[in-house]
Amino acid sequence: MIQVIGTVKLAPGAYAKLIPAAQTMISETLKEDGCIRYAFSQDIVDPTIMHIAEAWRDVAALMVHGKAPHMAVWRAAVGEAGVEGRDLRMYDTDEGKSLG
């Protein structure tokens, strides 16, 4: 399993502007073959930070995702909203163990 985890630093007020585009991005991505989990969230301490958590069956599925039409729309929306920095990392992991 491939996990993509990280943060995107947005301009002040940008997160709220991105919510409609994020909702579309998430719903379309969850339909993709190989997508296990796909989520964005706003940091509760710093509202300019967006957390990203993705899980994919394999690298091939992640690479197809990067070329999806909704990904191009999302990139444009994020670009317009204002990105001040990002730290996204890809990890090759197993399925993990439940802590519950």
Protein backbone atom coordinates (compact mmCIF):
# COMPACT_ATOMS: atom_id res chain seq x y z
CA MET A 1 0.00 0.00 0.00
CA ILE A 2 1.18 3.52 -0.79
CA GLN A 3 0.35 6.35 1.58
CA VAL A 4 0.69 10.04 0.80
CA ILE A 5 0.72 12.18 3.93
CA GLY A 6 1.56 15.81 4.37
CA THR A 7 0.54 19.41 4.59
CA VAL A 8 -0.11 22.35 2.32
CA LYS A 9 0.33 25.88 3.67
CA LEU A 10 -2.36 28.11 2.19
CA ALA A 11 -2.81 31.86 2.09
CA PRO A 12 -5.04 33.22 4.89
CA GLY A 13 -8.71 32.57 4.06
CA ALA A 14 -7.90 30.18 1.21
CA TYR A 15 -9.10 27.01 2.94
CA ALA A 16 -12.73 28.16 3.03
CA LYS A 17 -12.55 29.10 -0.65
CA LEU A 18 -11.30 25.61 -1.53
CA ILE A 19 -14.03 23.61 0.21
CA PRO A 20 -16.31 23.20 -2.87
CA ALA A 21 -13.37 22.17 -5.07
CA ALA A 22 -12.08 19.85 -2.32
CA GLN A 23 -15.45 18.14 -2.00
CA THR A 24 -15.48 17.43 -5.73
CA MET A 25 -11.86 16.32 -5.70
CA ILE A 26 -12.42 13.89 -2.86
CA SER A 27 -15.65 12.40 -4.24
CA GLU A 28 -14.11 11.89 -7.70
CA THR A 29 -10.85 10.49 -6.35
CA LEU A 30 -12.63 7.96 -4.14
CA LYS A 31 -14.13 6.49 -7.34
CA GLU A 32 -10.68 5.83 -8.81
CA ASP A 33 -9.41 2.27 -9.13
CA GLY A 34 -6.83 1.71 -6.41
CA CYS A 35 -7.91 4.53 -4.09
CA ILE A 36 -8.30 3.23 -0.54
CA ARG A 37 -8.56 6.51 1.37
CA TYR A 38 -8.45 10.18 0.40
CA ALA A 39 -9.02 13.02 2.83
CA PHE A 40 -8.24 16.67 3.47
CA SER A 41 -8.63 18.47 6.79
CA GLN A 42 -7.94 21.87 8.24
CA ASP A 43 -5.49 22.13 11.12
CA ILE A 44 -7.25 23.16 14.34
CA VAL A 45 -4.32 25.28 15.55
CA ASP A 46 -3.28 26.91 12.26
CA PRO A 47 -6.23 27.38 9.86
CA THR A 48 -3.86 28.03 6.96
CA ILE A 49 -2.61 24.42 7.08
CA MET A 50 -4.42 21.72 5.11
CA HIS A 51 -3.57 18.13 6.04
CA ILE A 52 -3.65 15.50 3.32
CA ALA A 53 -3.97 11.75 3.91
CA GLU A 54 -4.18 9.32 1.01
CA ALA A 55 -3.86 5.55 0.68
CA TRP A 56 -3.45 3.76 -2.66
CA ARG A 57 -3.23 0.13 -3.69
CA ASP A 58 0.09 0.77 -5.46
CA VAL A 59 2.27 3.40 -7.11
CA ALA A 60 0.67 2.74 -10.50
CA ALA A 61 -2.77 3.77 -9.15
CA LEU A 62 -1.27 6.91 -7.62
CA MET A 63 0.39 7.83 -10.93
CA VAL A 64 -2.92 7.43 -12.82
CA HIS A 65 -4.55 9.68 -10.20
CA GLY A 66 -1.99 12.39 -10.94
CA LYS A 67 -3.21 12.51 -14.56
CA ALA A 68 -6.95 12.50 -13.77
CA PRO A 69 -9.02 15.42 -15.13
CA HIS A 70 -10.28 16.31 -11.65
CA MET A 71 -6.65 16.55 -10.48
CA ALA A 72 -6.00 19.27 -13.07
CA VAL A 73 -9.07 21.19 -11.89
CA TRP A 74 -7.94 20.80 -8.27
CA ARG A 75 -4.42 22.03 -9.04
CA ALA A 76 -5.86 25.13 -10.73
CA ALA A 77 -8.15 25.84 -7.75
CA VAL A 78 -5.30 25.48 -5.27
CA GLY A 79 -3.09 27.70 -7.41
CA GLU A 80 -5.74 30.42 -7.50
CA ALA A 81 -6.33 30.17 -3.74
CA GLY A 82 -2.66 30.71 -2.98
CA VAL A 83 -0.16 28.10 -1.82
CA GLU A 84 2.68 29.28 0.38
CA GLY A 85 4.36 25.90 0.78
CA ARG A 86 3.84 22.17 0.82
CA ASP A 87 5.35 19.06 2.34
CA LEU A 88 3.85 15.89 0.84
CA ARG A 89 5.56 12.54 1.26
CA MET A 90 4.92 9.11 -0.21
CA TYR A 91 5.40 6.02 1.93
CA ASP A 92 5.34 2.34 0.97
CA THR A 93 3.65 0.64 3.93
CA ASP A 94 1.71 -2.41 4.94
CA GLU A 95 -1.94 -2.24 6.00
CA GLY A 96 -1.00 -1.36 9.57
CA LYS A 97 -2.57 -2.62 12.79
CA SER A 98 -5.69 -1.31 14.46
CA LEU A 99 -5.08 0.59 17.69
CA GLY A 100 -8.73 0.27 18.68
